[in-house]
């Protein structure tokens, strides 16, 4: 494994551990380190993209059902909410609307302005 690959794996592992622990300051520190490594050229953003592509190889839209099947049913909603709380917001008041549709689907609407790294 290359040094850049080890760095990416370590940083993303640190990010997920701090996210799981709810450590907002730790998350911020890891993101700052990632951004610094990209700015300095020590790691490029394609390394991070490659990591996720390798982790989820073959997980394109065509087999998204399999991805959902990998999660225990009780974890899917939690995962969706983690994604919501990982977004950036212009307002401190996060508004989430959950709709349970007749066809068995769930739709989440929220006032995010996007993700950052």
C-alpha atoms as a PDB file:
ATOM      1  CA  UNK A   1       0.000   0.000   0.000  1.00  0.00           C
ATOM      2  CA  UNK A   2       1.423   3.402  -0.957  1.00  0.00           C
ATOM      3  CA  UNK A   3       2.091   6.104   1.608  1.00  0.00           C
ATOM      4  CA  UNK A   4      -0.703   8.256   0.118  1.00  0.00           C
ATOM      5  CA  UNK A   5      -3.093   5.311   0.296  1.00  0.00           C
ATOM      6  CA  UNK A   6      -2.185   4.654   3.935  1.00  0.00           C
ATOM      7  CA  UNK A   7      -2.719   8.339   4.742  1.00  0.00           C
ATOM      8  CA  UNK A   8      -6.156   8.357   3.100  1.00  0.00           C
ATOM      9  CA  UNK A   9      -7.192   5.145   4.841  1.00  0.00           C
ATOM     10  CA  UNK A  10      -6.011   6.450   8.226  1.00  0.00           C
ATOM     11  CA  UNK A  11      -7.711   9.832   7.845  1.00  0.00           C
ATOM     12  CA  UNK A  12     -11.013   8.378   6.696  1.00  0.00           C
ATOM     13  CA  UNK A  13     -10.872   5.810   9.496  1.00  0.00           C
ATOM     14  CA  UNK A  14     -10.240   8.629  11.982  1.00  0.00           C
ATOM     15  CA  UNK A  15     -13.150  10.587  10.500  1.00  0.00           C
ATOM     16  CA  UNK A  16     -15.588   7.679  10.816  1.00  0.00           C
ATOM     17  CA  UNK A  17     -14.455   6.851  14.381  1.00  0.00           C
ATOM     18  CA  UNK A  18     -14.923  10.446  15.502  1.00  0.00           C
ATOM     19  CA  UNK A  19     -18.279  10.638  13.724  1.00  0.00           C
ATOM     20  CA  UNK A  20     -19.457   7.462  15.444  1.00  0.00           C
ATOM     21  CA  UNK A  21     -18.346   8.876  18.802  1.00  0.00           C
ATOM     22  CA  UNK A  22     -20.123  12.180  18.119  1.00  0.00           C
ATOM     23  CA  UNK A  23     -16.804  14.020  18.546  1.00  0.00           C
ATOM     24  CA  UNK A  24     -17.499  17.222  16.576  1.00  0.00           C
ATOM     25  CA  UNK A  25     -14.132  18.801  17.406  1.00  0.00           C
ATOM     26  CA  UNK A  26     -12.359  15.597  16.363  1.00  0.00           C
ATOM     27  CA  UNK A  27     -14.322  15.507  13.098  1.00  0.00           C
ATOM     28  CA  UNK A  28     -13.358  19.125  12.418  1.00  0.00           C
ATOM     29  CA  UNK A  29      -9.682  18.377  13.133  1.00  0.00           C
ATOM     30  CA  UNK A  30      -9.650  15.407  10.738  1.00  0.00           C
ATOM     31  CA  UNK A  31     -11.376  17.412   7.990  1.00  0.00           C
ATOM     32  CA  UNK A  32      -8.839  20.203   8.452  1.00  0.00           C
ATOM     33  CA  UNK A  33      -6.000  17.662   8.169  1.00  0.00           C
ATOM     34  CA  UNK A  34      -7.531  16.189   5.010  1.00  0.00           C
ATOM     35  CA  UNK A  35      -7.930  19.647   3.481  1.00  0.00           C
ATOM     36  CA  UNK A  36      -4.323  20.535   4.428  1.00  0.00           C
ATOM     37  CA  UNK A  37      -2.971  17.361   2.830  1.00  0.00           C
ATOM     38  CA  UNK A  38      -4.905  18.069  -0.377  1.00  0.00           C
ATOM     39  CA  UNK A  39      -3.793  21.726  -0.473  1.00  0.00           C
ATOM     40  CA  UNK A  40      -0.147  20.798   0.147  1.00  0.00           C
ATOM     41  CA  UNK A  41      -0.214  18.073  -2.506  1.00  0.00           C
ATOM     42  CA  UNK A  42       0.653  15.353   0.026  1.00  0.00           C
ATOM     43  CA  UNK A  43      -2.602  13.661  -0.974  1.00  0.00           C
ATOM     44  CA  UNK A  44      -4.885  14.522  -3.849  1.00  0.00           C
ATOM     45  CA  UNK A  45      -8.647  14.398  -3.850  1.00  0.00           C
ATOM     46  CA  UNK A  46      -8.597  11.501  -6.329  1.00  0.00           C
ATOM     47  CA  UNK A  47      -7.011   9.366  -3.563  1.00  0.00           C
ATOM     48  CA  UNK A  48     -10.118   9.904  -1.444  1.00  0.00           C
ATOM     49  CA  UNK A  49     -12.418   9.197  -4.398  1.00  0.00           C
ATOM     50  CA  UNK A  50     -10.410   6.056  -5.244  1.00  0.00           C
ATOM     51  CA  UNK A  51     -10.714   4.835  -1.646  1.00  0.00           C
ATOM     52  CA  UNK A  52     -14.511   5.011  -1.792  1.00  0.00           C
ATOM     53  CA  UNK A  53     -14.638   3.527  -5.283  1.00  0.00           C
ATOM     54  CA  UNK A  54     -12.527   0.583  -4.077  1.00  0.00           C
ATOM     55  CA  UNK A  55     -14.564   0.186  -0.883  1.00  0.00           C
ATOM     56  CA  UNK A  56     -17.833   0.123  -2.802  1.00  0.00           C
ATOM     57  CA  UNK A  57     -16.670  -1.387  -6.087  1.00  0.00           C
ATOM     58  CA  UNK A  58     -19.634  -2.377  -8.189  1.00  0.00           C
ATOM     59  CA  UNK A  59     -22.040  -0.407  -6.030  1.00  0.00           C
ATOM     60  CA  UNK A  60     -23.406   1.768  -8.813  1.00  0.00           C
ATOM     61  CA  UNK A  61     -26.993   2.811  -9.219  1.00  0.00           C
ATOM     62  CA  UNK A  62     -27.727  -0.443 -10.985  1.00  0.00           C
ATOM     63  CA  UNK A  63     -27.309  -2.433  -7.779  1.00  0.00           C
ATOM     64  CA  UNK A  64     -28.207   0.133  -5.120  1.00  0.00           C
ATOM     65  CA  UNK A  65     -30.718  -2.395  -3.757  1.00  0.00           C
ATOM     66  CA  UNK A  66     -27.800  -4.629  -2.763  1.00  0.00           C
ATOM     67  CA  UNK A  67     -26.212  -1.743  -0.868  1.00  0.00           C
ATOM     68  CA  UNK A  68     -29.418  -1.256   1.118  1.00  0.00           C
ATOM     69  CA  UNK A  69     -29.545  -4.994   1.756  1.00  0.00           C
ATOM     70  CA  UNK A  70     -26.075  -4.809   3.350  1.00  0.00           C
ATOM     71  CA  UNK A  71     -27.519  -2.734   6.197  1.00  0.00           C
ATOM     72  CA  UNK A  72     -29.590  -4.211   8.960  1.00  0.00           C
ATOM     73  CA  UNK A  73     -33.080  -2.750   8.492  1.00  0.00           C
ATOM     74  CA  UNK A  74     -32.890  -0.837  11.764  1.00  0.00           C
ATOM     75  CA  UNK A  75     -29.672   0.886  10.582  1.00  0.00           C
ATOM     76  CA  UNK A  76     -30.897   2.339   7.289  1.00  0.00           C
ATOM     77  CA  UNK A  77     -32.797   5.261   8.804  1.00  0.00           C
ATOM     78  CA  UNK A  78     -29.899   5.927  11.201  1.00  0.00           C
ATOM     79  CA  UNK A  79     -27.510   6.029   8.236  1.00  0.00           C
ATOM     80  CA  UNK A  80     -29.761   8.455   6.377  1.00  0.00           C
ATOM     81  CA  UNK A  81     -29.926  10.732   9.412  1.00  0.00           C
ATOM     82  CA  UNK A  82     -26.126  10.578   9.792  1.00  0.00           C
ATOM     83  CA  UNK A  83     -25.910  11.809   6.212  1.00  0.00           C
ATOM     84  CA  UNK A  84     -28.327  14.627   7.015  1.00  0.00           C
ATOM     85  CA  UNK A  85     -26.275  15.712  10.031  1.00  0.00           C
ATOM     86  CA  UNK A  86     -23.102  15.566   7.907  1.00  0.00           C
ATOM     87  CA  UNK A  87     -24.377  18.379   5.673  1.00  0.00           C
ATOM     88  CA  UNK A  88     -23.734  22.086   5.936  1.00  0.00           C
ATOM     89  CA  UNK A  89     -26.566  24.418   6.883  1.00  0.00           C
ATOM     90  CA  UNK A  90     -27.035  28.178   6.653  1.00  0.00           C
ATOM     91  CA  UNK A  91     -29.275  28.063   9.734  1.00  0.00           C
ATOM     92  CA  UNK A  92     -28.631  26.430  13.114  1.00  0.00           C
ATOM     93  CA  UNK A  93     -32.192  25.096  13.096  1.00  0.00           C
ATOM     94  CA  UNK A  94     -32.067  21.904  11.023  1.00  0.00           C
ATOM     95  CA  UNK A  95     -35.480  21.096   9.611  1.00  0.00           C
ATOM     96  CA  UNK A  96     -36.135  17.487   8.587  1.00  0.00           C
ATOM     97  CA  UNK A  97     -39.314  16.232   6.985  1.00  0.00           C
ATOM     98  CA  UNK A  98     -39.802  12.465   6.762  1.00  0.00           C
ATOM     99  CA  UNK A  99     -42.507  11.184   4.421  1.00  0.00           C
ATOM    100  CA  UNK A 100     -43.505   7.518   4.401  1.00  0.00           C
ATOM    101  CA  UNK A 101     -44.904   7.056   0.908  1.00  0.00           C
ATOM    102  CA  UNK A 102     -47.632   4.627  -0.103  1.00  0.00           C
ATOM    103  CA  UNK A 103     -45.277   2.582  -2.290  1.00  0.00           C
ATOM    104  CA  UNK A 104     -43.095   1.676   0.714  1.00  0.00           C
ATOM    105  CA  UNK A 105     -40.492   4.363   0.037  1.00  0.00           C
ATOM    106  CA  UNK A 106     -39.263   6.973   2.489  1.00  0.00           C
ATOM    107  CA  UNK A 107     -38.495  10.518   1.381  1.00  0.00           C
ATOM    108  CA  UNK A 108     -36.353  12.860   3.479  1.00  0.00           C
ATOM    109  CA  UNK A 109     -36.372  16.607   2.892  1.00  0.00           C
ATOM    110  CA  UNK A 110     -34.037  18.885   4.808  1.00  0.00           C
ATOM    111  CA  UNK A 111     -32.700  22.412   4.581  1.00  0.00           C
ATOM    112  CA  UNK A 112     -29.051  21.615   3.827  1.00  0.00           C
ATOM    113  CA  UNK A 113     -26.832  23.650   1.538  1.00  0.00           C
ATOM    114  CA  UNK A 114     -24.535  20.742   0.604  1.00  0.00           C
ATOM    115  CA  UNK A 115     -21.615  18.724   1.895  1.00  0.00           C
ATOM    116  CA  UNK A 116     -18.029  19.812   2.318  1.00  0.00           C
ATOM    117  CA  UNK A 117     -15.087  17.436   2.323  1.00  0.00           C
END
